[in-house]
Amino acid sequence: MADLLIADALDKTYGAGGSATHALKGVSFALAEGEFASIIGQSGSGKSTLLNIIGLLDTPSAGRVLLAGDDASALGRKGRARLRNGALGFVFQFHHLLPEFSVWENVTMPAQIAGRTLKGPERARAMDILGLLGLGGLETKNANQLSGGQKQRVAIGRALINRPKLILADEPTGNLDTVNTAAVYELFRDINRNLGTAFLIVTHDRAVAQQTDRILEVRDGELVQDVRNAYGPANN
């Protein structure tokens, strides 16, 4: 499979002089199309900084990010925004839904912001996403009427609506109970299998990481481990 994401010698330093913080130190790896991987590390390890840089939300002090064949370092702010909106979807620990809007409005908002008219095939695809996520029949419910697990499903649908090649998930189950954590993980697997969407899940929880097919570990700003997971479903 072709490389979808390449992190090439990423460095990130905050501040200057004696007070500078070297958050990333020459991190390099590649992620293939359709891959299902995790980044693990303790608080302060640099994993969130890495996520922000490969998600084009921040820029490295040195090194570069190549995403879907485009070199983000060669793009300006608007170019990075277009690449981010076209190639990436984000799922965070907190769903960040707009409570006064319906499930349908929350899920389809990125498409509407992009200027797409949700009619015909586009509307059918949005309905398919809702069905895949177990949200069929809830389209008109306001977000504040949903359970915690349902809200996270809506957030996943919102991440999928623009057909991203890669979903970056930052502690996506950190705010959920055990049952909903398992349900969200199975949804990610279904999406990966059925849509071919690649996943990179950032977590401090090794139990979550052990369920992915590849584990990258960040410690003190360095990539210290990159292994295929013998316990992942792809290897069973």
C-alpha atoms as a PDB file:
ATOM      1  CA  MET A   1       0.000   0.000   0.000  1.00  0.00           C
ATOM      2  CA  ALA A   2       1.097   3.558  -0.686  1.00  0.00           C
ATOM      3  CA  ASP A   3       2.152   5.871   2.128  1.00  0.00           C
ATOM      4  CA  LEU A   4      -0.648   8.196   3.150  1.00  0.00           C
ATOM      5  CA  LEU A   5       1.278  10.103   5.831  1.00  0.00           C
ATOM      6  CA  ILE A   6       5.017  10.656   6.176  1.00  0.00           C
ATOM      7  CA  ALA A   7       6.493  12.337   9.247  1.00  0.00           C
ATOM      8  CA  ASP A   8      10.042  13.257   8.277  1.00  0.00           C
ATOM      9  CA  ALA A   9      12.507  14.162  11.085  1.00  0.00           C
ATOM     10  CA  LEU A  10       9.987  16.272  13.000  1.00  0.00           C
ATOM     11  CA  ASP A  11      11.410  18.612  15.622  1.00  0.00           C
ATOM     12  CA  LYS A  12       9.454  21.041  17.771  1.00  0.00           C
ATOM     13  CA  THR A  13      10.878  23.549  20.231  1.00  0.00           C
ATOM     14  CA  TYR A  14       8.797  25.957  22.276  1.00  0.00           C
ATOM     15  CA  GLY A  15      10.466  29.082  23.620  1.00  0.00           C
ATOM     16  CA  ALA A  16      14.128  30.005  23.350  1.00  0.00           C
ATOM     17  CA  GLY A  17      17.336  30.003  25.357  1.00  0.00           C
ATOM     18  CA  GLY A  18      17.468  28.327  28.729  1.00  0.00           C
ATOM     19  CA  SER A  19      13.690  28.177  29.031  1.00  0.00           C
ATOM     20  CA  ALA A  20      13.172  26.354  25.706  1.00  0.00           C
ATOM     21  CA  THR A  21      11.236  23.076  25.690  1.00  0.00           C
ATOM     22  CA  HIS A  22      12.276  20.495  23.104  1.00  0.00           C
ATOM     23  CA  ALA A  23       8.921  18.734  22.655  1.00  0.00           C
ATOM     24  CA  LEU A  24       9.822  16.581  19.614  1.00  0.00           C
ATOM     25  CA  LYS A  25      13.240  15.278  18.621  1.00  0.00           C
ATOM     26  CA  GLY A  26      13.620  13.987  15.073  1.00  0.00           C
ATOM     27  CA  VAL A  27      10.464  11.860  14.906  1.00  0.00           C
ATOM     28  CA  SER A  28      10.096   9.936  11.629  1.00  0.00           C
ATOM     29  CA  PHE A  29       7.550   7.328  10.516  1.00  0.00           C
ATOM     30  CA  ALA A  30       5.176   6.564   7.645  1.00  0.00           C
ATOM     31  CA  LEU A  31       1.549   5.473   7.755  1.00  0.00           C
ATOM     32  CA  ALA A  32       0.072   3.494   4.865  1.00  0.00           C
ATOM     33  CA  GLU A  33      -3.377   3.923   3.353  1.00  0.00           C
ATOM     34  CA  GLY A  34      -5.988   2.026   5.359  1.00  0.00           C
ATOM     35  CA  GLU A  35      -3.668   1.382   8.319  1.00  0.00           C
ATOM     36  CA  PHE A  36      -5.051   1.094  11.865  1.00  0.00           C
ATOM     37  CA  ALA A  37      -2.385   2.308  14.291  1.00  0.00           C
ATOM     38  CA  SER A  38      -1.902   3.998  17.653  1.00  0.00           C
ATOM     39  CA  ILE A  39       0.514   6.445  19.240  1.00  0.00           C
ATOM     40  CA  ILE A  40       1.082   5.827  22.928  1.00  0.00           C
ATOM     41  CA  GLY A  41       2.869   7.902  25.525  1.00  0.00           C
ATOM     42  CA  GLN A  42       2.479   9.341  28.986  1.00  0.00           C
ATOM     43  CA  SER A  43       1.420  12.922  29.670  1.00  0.00           C
ATOM     44  CA  GLY A  44       4.210  15.257  28.565  1.00  0.00           C
ATOM     45  CA  SER A  45       5.786  12.675  26.255  1.00  0.00           C
ATOM     46  CA  GLY A  46       5.193  14.762  23.118  1.00  0.00           C
ATOM     47  CA  LYS A  47       2.390  12.687  21.627  1.00  0.00           C
ATOM     48  CA  SER A  48      -0.116  15.566  21.579  1.00  0.00           C
ATOM     49  CA  THR A  49       2.473  17.860  19.966  1.00  0.00           C
ATOM     50  CA  LEU A  50       3.072  15.170  17.345  1.00  0.00           C
ATOM     51  CA  LEU A  51      -0.668  14.843  16.720  1.00  0.00           C
ATOM     52  CA  ASN A  52      -1.040  18.599  16.265  1.00  0.00           C
ATOM     53  CA  ILE A  53       1.807  18.702  13.762  1.00  0.00           C
ATOM     54  CA  ILE A  54       0.736  15.726  11.656  1.00  0.00           C
ATOM     55  CA  GLY A  55      -2.825  17.068  11.853  1.00  0.00           C
ATOM     56  CA  LEU A  56      -1.553  20.364  10.359  1.00  0.00           C
ATOM     57  CA  LEU A  57      -2.800  22.280  13.383  1.00  0.00           C
ATOM     58  CA  ASP A  58       0.776  23.315  14.224  1.00  0.00           C
ATOM     59  CA  THR A  59       4.022  23.560  12.277  1.00  0.00           C
ATOM     60  CA  PRO A  60       7.341  21.861  13.147  1.00  0.00           C
ATOM     61  CA  SER A  61      10.494  23.771  14.017  1.00  0.00           C
ATOM     62  CA  ALA A  62      12.290  21.401  11.629  1.00  0.00           C
ATOM     63  CA  GLY A  63      11.298  18.481   9.426  1.00  0.00           C
ATOM     64  CA  ARG A  64       8.211  18.112   7.292  1.00  0.00           C
ATOM     65  CA  VAL A  65       4.838  16.381   6.986  1.00  0.00           C
ATOM     66  CA  LEU A  66       3.712  14.828   3.706  1.00  0.00           C
ATOM     67  CA  LEU A  67       0.008  14.050   3.564  1.00  0.00           C
ATOM     68  CA  ALA A  68      -1.775  12.387   0.650  1.00  0.00           C
ATOM     69  CA  GLY A  69       1.169  13.251  -1.589  1.00  0.00           C
ATOM     70  CA  ASP A  70       1.346  16.933  -0.609  1.00  0.00           C
ATOM     71  CA  ASP A  71       4.255  18.480   1.280  1.00  0.00           C
ATOM     72  CA  ALA A  72       2.559  20.593   3.971  1.00  0.00           C
ATOM     73  CA  SER A  73       5.773  22.547   4.573  1.00  0.00           C
ATOM     74  CA  ALA A  74       5.508  23.964   1.064  1.00  0.00           C
ATOM     75  CA  LEU A  75       1.984  25.270   1.677  1.00  0.00           C
ATOM     76  CA  GLY A  76       0.790  28.487   3.259  1.00  0.00           C
ATOM     77  CA  ARG A  77      -1.837  28.694   5.980  1.00  0.00           C
ATOM     78  CA  LYS A  78      -4.773  28.496   3.568  1.00  0.00           C
ATOM     79  CA  GLY A  79      -3.204  25.620   1.675  1.00  0.00           C
ATOM     80  CA  ARG A  80      -2.668  23.664   4.882  1.00  0.00           C
ATOM     81  CA  ALA A  81      -6.270  24.329   5.891  1.00  0.00           C
ATOM     82  CA  ARG A  82      -7.542  22.998   2.559  1.00  0.00           C
ATOM     83  CA  LEU A  83      -5.360  19.904   2.840  1.00  0.00           C
ATOM     84  CA  ARG A  84      -6.412  19.335   6.447  1.00  0.00           C
ATOM     85  CA  ASN A  85     -10.116  19.709   5.668  1.00  0.00           C
ATOM     86  CA  GLY A  86      -9.887  17.457   2.632  1.00  0.00           C
ATOM     87  CA  ALA A  87      -7.695  14.620   3.899  1.00  0.00           C
ATOM     88  CA  LEU A  88      -8.209  14.499   7.679  1.00  0.00           C
ATOM     89  CA  GLY A  89     -10.981  13.908  10.170  1.00  0.00           C
ATOM     90  CA  PHE A  90     -10.596  14.539  13.903  1.00  0.00           C
ATOM     91  CA  VAL A  91     -12.182  12.816  16.899  1.00  0.00           C
ATOM     92  CA  PHE A  92     -11.356  14.195  20.334  1.00  0.00           C
ATOM     93  CA  GLN A  93     -11.935  13.059  23.909  1.00  0.00           C
ATOM     94  CA  PHE A  94     -14.726  15.611  24.247  1.00  0.00           C
ATOM     95  CA  HIS A  95     -17.248  15.593  21.425  1.00  0.00           C
ATOM     96  CA  HIS A  96     -17.497  19.411  21.031  1.00  0.00           C
ATOM     97  CA  LEU A  97     -21.002  19.189  19.554  1.00  0.00           C
ATOM     98  CA  LEU A  98     -23.234  22.223  19.227  1.00  0.00           C
ATOM     99  CA  PRO A  99     -26.003  21.344  21.708  1.00  0.00           C
ATOM    100  CA  GLU A 100     -28.669  23.544  20.123  1.00  0.00           C
ATOM    101  CA  PHE A 101     -28.264  21.782  16.763  1.00  0.00           C
ATOM    102  CA  SER A 102     -29.695  18.440  15.701  1.00  0.00           C
ATOM    103  CA  VAL A 103     -27.760  15.240  15.076  1.00  0.00           C
ATOM    104  CA  TRP A 104     -28.126  15.802  11.322  1.00  0.00           C
ATOM    105  CA  GLU A 105     -26.891  19.393  11.554  1.00  0.00           C
ATOM    106  CA  ASN A 106     -23.895  18.473  13.702  1.00  0.00           C
ATOM    107  CA  VAL A 107     -22.837  15.586  11.452  1.00  0.00           C
ATOM    108  CA  THR A 108     -23.235  17.480   8.181  1.00  0.00           C
ATOM    109  CA  MET A 109     -21.871  20.844   9.318  1.00  0.00           C
ATOM    110  CA  PRO A 110     -18.339  20.319   7.850  1.00  0.00           C
ATOM    111  CA  ALA A 111     -19.878  19.485   4.473  1.00  0.00           C
ATOM    112  CA  GLN A 112     -22.085  22.556   4.595  1.00  0.00           C
ATOM    113  CA  ILE A 113     -19.126  24.757   5.552  1.00  0.00           C
ATOM    114  CA  ALA A 114     -17.308  23.303   2.536  1.00  0.00           C
ATOM    115  CA  GLY A 115     -20.226  24.445   0.376  1.00  0.00           C
ATOM    116  CA  ARG A 116     -21.539  20.984  -0.529  1.00  0.00           C
ATOM    117  CA  THR A 117     -25.272  20.622  -1.101  1.00  0.00           C
ATOM    118  CA  LEU A 118     -26.502  17.523   0.689  1.00  0.00           C
ATOM    119  CA  LYS A 119     -28.909  16.255  -1.945  1.00  0.00           C
ATOM    120  CA  GLY A 120     -29.107  13.035  -3.933  1.00  0.00           C
ATOM    121  CA  PRO A 121     -25.989  10.859  -3.527  1.00  0.00           C
ATOM    122  CA  GLU A 122     -24.461  13.232  -0.932  1.00  0.00           C
ATOM    123  CA  ARG A 123     -27.538  12.974   1.274  1.00  0.00           C
ATOM    124  CA  ALA A 124     -27.674   9.200   0.804  1.00  0.00           C
ATOM    125  CA  ARG A 125     -24.043   8.926   1.868  1.00  0.00           C
ATOM    126  CA  ALA A 126     -24.701  11.004   4.996  1.00  0.00           C
ATOM    127  CA  MET A 127     -27.620   8.718   5.843  1.00  0.00           C
ATOM    128  CA  ASP A 128     -25.374   5.680   5.311  1.00  0.00           C
ATOM    129  CA  ILE A 129     -22.883   7.134   7.796  1.00  0.00           C
ATOM    130  CA  LEU A 130     -25.637   7.647  10.367  1.00  0.00           C
ATOM    131  CA  GLY A 131     -26.770   4.058   9.818  1.00  0.00           C
ATOM    132  CA  LEU A 132     -23.226   2.714  10.181  1.00  0.00           C
ATOM    133  CA  LEU A 133     -22.898   4.584  13.485  1.00  0.00           C
ATOM    134  CA  GLY A 134     -26.238   3.358  14.834  1.00  0.00           C
ATOM    135  CA  LEU A 135     -27.750   6.848  14.681  1.00  0.00           C
ATOM    136  CA  GLY A 136     -30.519   6.125  12.180  1.00  0.00           C
ATOM    137  CA  GLY A 137     -33.814   7.630  13.354  1.00  0.00           C
ATOM    138  CA  LEU A 138     -32.084  10.187  15.601  1.00  0.00           C
ATOM    139  CA  GLU A 139     -31.494  12.789  12.874  1.00  0.00           C
ATOM    140  CA  THR A 140     -33.848  15.398  14.357  1.00  0.00           C
ATOM    141  CA  LYS A 141     -32.820  14.974  17.995  1.00  0.00           C
ATOM    142  CA  ASN A 142     -30.826  17.793  19.536  1.00  0.00           C
ATOM    143  CA  ALA A 143     -27.339  16.898  20.679  1.00  0.00           C
ATOM    144  CA  ASN A 144     -28.215  17.729  24.300  1.00  0.00           C
ATOM    145  CA  GLN A 145     -30.814  14.921  24.251  1.00  0.00           C
ATOM    146  CA  LEU A 146     -28.217  12.221  23.576  1.00  0.00           C
ATOM    147  CA  SER A 147     -26.227   9.933  25.850  1.00  0.00           C
ATOM    148  CA  GLY A 148     -22.454  10.283  26.132  1.00  0.00           C
ATOM    149  CA  GLY A 149     -21.862   7.343  23.812  1.00  0.00           C
ATOM    150  CA  GLN A 150     -24.316   8.695  21.226  1.00  0.00           C
ATOM    151  CA  LYS A 151     -22.644  12.110  21.313  1.00  0.00           C
ATOM    152  CA  GLN A 152     -19.265  10.545  20.550  1.00  0.00           C
ATOM    153  CA  ARG A 153     -20.872   8.650  17.640  1.00  0.00           C
ATOM    154  CA  VAL A 154     -22.144  11.955  16.263  1.00  0.00           C
ATOM    155  CA  ALA A 155     -18.620  13.383  16.576  1.00  0.00           C
ATOM    156  CA  ILE A 156     -17.297  10.386  14.614  1.00  0.00           C
ATOM    157  CA  GLY A 157     -19.923  10.975  11.928  1.00  0.00           C
ATOM    158  CA  ARG A 158     -18.871  14.605  11.706  1.00  0.00           C
ATOM    159  CA  ALA A 159     -15.261  13.474  11.206  1.00  0.00           C
ATOM    160  CA  LEU A 160     -16.330  11.155   8.376  1.00  0.00           C
ATOM    161  CA  ILE A 161     -18.640  13.440   6.412  1.00  0.00           C
ATOM    162  CA  ASN A 162     -15.918  14.981   4.209  1.00  0.00           C
ATOM    163  CA  ARG A 163     -14.561  11.531   3.259  1.00  0.00           C
ATOM    164  CA  PRO A 164     -11.151  11.824   4.953  1.00  0.00           C
ATOM    165  CA  LYS A 165      -8.377   9.403   4.109  1.00  0.00           C
ATOM    166  CA  LEU A 166      -7.166   9.492   7.723  1.00  0.00           C
ATOM    167  CA  ILE A 167      -8.881   9.986  11.069  1.00  0.00           C
ATOM    168  CA  LEU A 168      -6.761  11.295  13.944  1.00  0.00           C
ATOM    169  CA  ALA A 169      -8.342  10.352  17.260  1.00  0.00           C
ATOM    170  CA  ASP A 170      -7.014  12.028  20.413  1.00  0.00           C
ATOM    171  CA  GLU A 171      -7.954   9.992  23.531  1.00  0.00           C
ATOM    172  CA  PRO A 172     -11.350   9.314  21.872  1.00  0.00           C
ATOM    173  CA  THR A 173     -12.620   7.030  24.648  1.00  0.00           C
ATOM    174  CA  GLY A 174     -11.086   8.867  27.602  1.00  0.00           C
ATOM    175  CA  ASN A 175     -14.449  10.304  28.638  1.00  0.00           C
ATOM    176  CA  LEU A 176     -16.482   7.100  28.189  1.00  0.00           C
ATOM    177  CA  ASP A 177     -17.293   4.088  30.356  1.00  0.00           C
ATOM    178  CA  THR A 178     -16.062   0.578  29.539  1.00  0.00           C
ATOM    179  CA  VAL A 179     -19.108  -0.413  27.490  1.00  0.00           C
ATOM    180  CA  ASN A 180     -19.044   2.711  25.327  1.00  0.00           C
ATOM    181  CA  THR A 181     -15.258   2.494  24.978  1.00  0.00           C
ATOM    182  CA  ALA A 182     -15.628  -0.982  23.452  1.00  0.00           C
ATOM    183  CA  ALA A 183     -18.467   0.221  21.215  1.00  0.00           C
ATOM    184  CA  VAL A 184     -16.454   3.173  19.861  1.00  0.00           C
ATOM    185  CA  TYR A 185     -13.454   0.943  19.203  1.00  0.00           C
ATOM    186  CA  GLU A 186     -15.651  -1.501  17.240  1.00  0.00           C
ATOM    187  CA  LEU A 187     -17.046   1.422  15.250  1.00  0.00           C
ATOM    188  CA  PHE A 188     -13.525   2.482  14.336  1.00  0.00           C
ATOM    189  CA  ARG A 189     -12.799  -1.064  13.182  1.00  0.00           C
ATOM    190  CA  ASP A 190     -16.010  -1.180  11.111  1.00  0.00           C
ATOM    191  CA  ILE A 191     -15.181   2.151   9.473  1.00  0.00           C
ATOM    192  CA  ASN A 192     -11.642   0.991   8.755  1.00  0.00           C
ATOM    193  CA  ARG A 193     -12.876  -2.244   7.170  1.00  0.00           C
ATOM    194  CA  ASN A 194     -15.907  -0.901   5.312  1.00  0.00           C
ATOM    195  CA  LEU A 195     -14.651   2.506   4.161  1.00  0.00           C
ATOM    196  CA  GLY A 196     -10.889   1.924   4.054  1.00  0.00           C
ATOM    197  CA  THR A 197     -10.272   4.947   6.289  1.00  0.00           C
ATOM    198  CA  ALA A 198      -6.902   4.913   8.040  1.00  0.00           C
ATOM    199  CA  PHE A 199      -6.809   5.554  11.806  1.00  0.00           C
ATOM    200  CA  LEU A 200      -4.131   6.940  14.090  1.00  0.00           C
ATOM    201  CA  ILE A 201      -5.334   6.775  17.697  1.00  0.00           C
ATOM    202  CA  VAL A 202      -3.423   8.776  20.308  1.00  0.00           C
ATOM    203  CA  THR A 203      -3.759   7.345  23.803  1.00  0.00           C
ATOM    204  CA  HIS A 204      -1.977   6.847  27.118  1.00  0.00           C
ATOM    205  CA  ASP A 205      -3.934   3.601  27.633  1.00  0.00           C
ATOM    206  CA  ARG A 206      -2.007   0.488  26.600  1.00  0.00           C
ATOM    207  CA  ALA A 207      -5.210  -1.568  26.689  1.00  0.00           C
ATOM    208  CA  VAL A 208      -6.575   0.593  23.864  1.00  0.00           C
ATOM    209  CA  ALA A 209      -3.272   0.547  21.955  1.00  0.00           C
ATOM    210  CA  GLN A 210      -3.067  -3.255  22.157  1.00  0.00           C
ATOM    211  CA  GLN A 211      -6.231  -3.448  20.061  1.00  0.00           C
ATOM    212  CA  THR A 212      -4.613  -1.661  17.119  1.00  0.00           C
ATOM    213  CA  ASP A 213      -2.424  -3.287  14.464  1.00  0.00           C
ATOM    214  CA  ARG A 214       0.632  -1.116  15.069  1.00  0.00           C
ATOM    215  CA  ILE A 215       1.929   0.753  18.114  1.00  0.00           C
ATOM    216  CA  LEU A 216       4.219   3.780  17.998  1.00  0.00           C
ATOM    217  CA  GLU A 217       5.521   4.887  21.396  1.00  0.00           C
ATOM    218  CA  VAL A 218       6.711   8.418  22.112  1.00  0.00           C
ATOM    219  CA  ARG A 219       8.857   9.113  25.174  1.00  0.00           C
ATOM    220  CA  ASP A 220      10.511  12.440  26.016  1.00  0.00           C
ATOM    221  CA  GLY A 221       9.857  13.709  22.499  1.00  0.00           C
ATOM    222  CA  GLU A 222      11.430  10.724  20.742  1.00  0.00           C
ATOM    223  CA  LEU A 223       9.910   7.793  18.889  1.00  0.00           C
ATOM    224  CA  VAL A 224      11.248   4.879  20.945  1.00  0.00           C
ATOM    225  CA  GLN A 225       9.145   2.027  19.591  1.00  0.00           C
ATOM    226  CA  ASP A 226       7.374   1.179  16.327  1.00  0.00           C
ATOM    227  CA  VAL A 227       6.055  -2.378  16.318  1.00  0.00           C
ATOM    228  CA  ARG A 228       3.415  -4.472  14.652  1.00  0.00           C
ATOM    229  CA  ASN A 229       1.060  -5.564  17.378  1.00  0.00           C
ATOM    230  CA  ALA A 230       0.989  -9.344  17.868  1.00  0.00           C
ATOM    231  CA  TYR A 231      -2.266  -8.958  19.800  1.00  0.00           C
ATOM    232  CA  GLY A 232      -4.100  -6.888  17.168  1.00  0.00           C
ATOM    233  CA  PRO A 233      -7.114  -8.378  15.366  1.00  0.00           C
ATOM    234  CA  ALA A 234      -5.242  -8.261  12.043  1.00  0.00           C
ATOM    235  CA  ASN A 235      -2.787 -10.801  13.485  1.00  0.00           C
ATOM    236  CA  ASN A 236      -5.270 -13.183  15.075  1.00  0.00           C
END
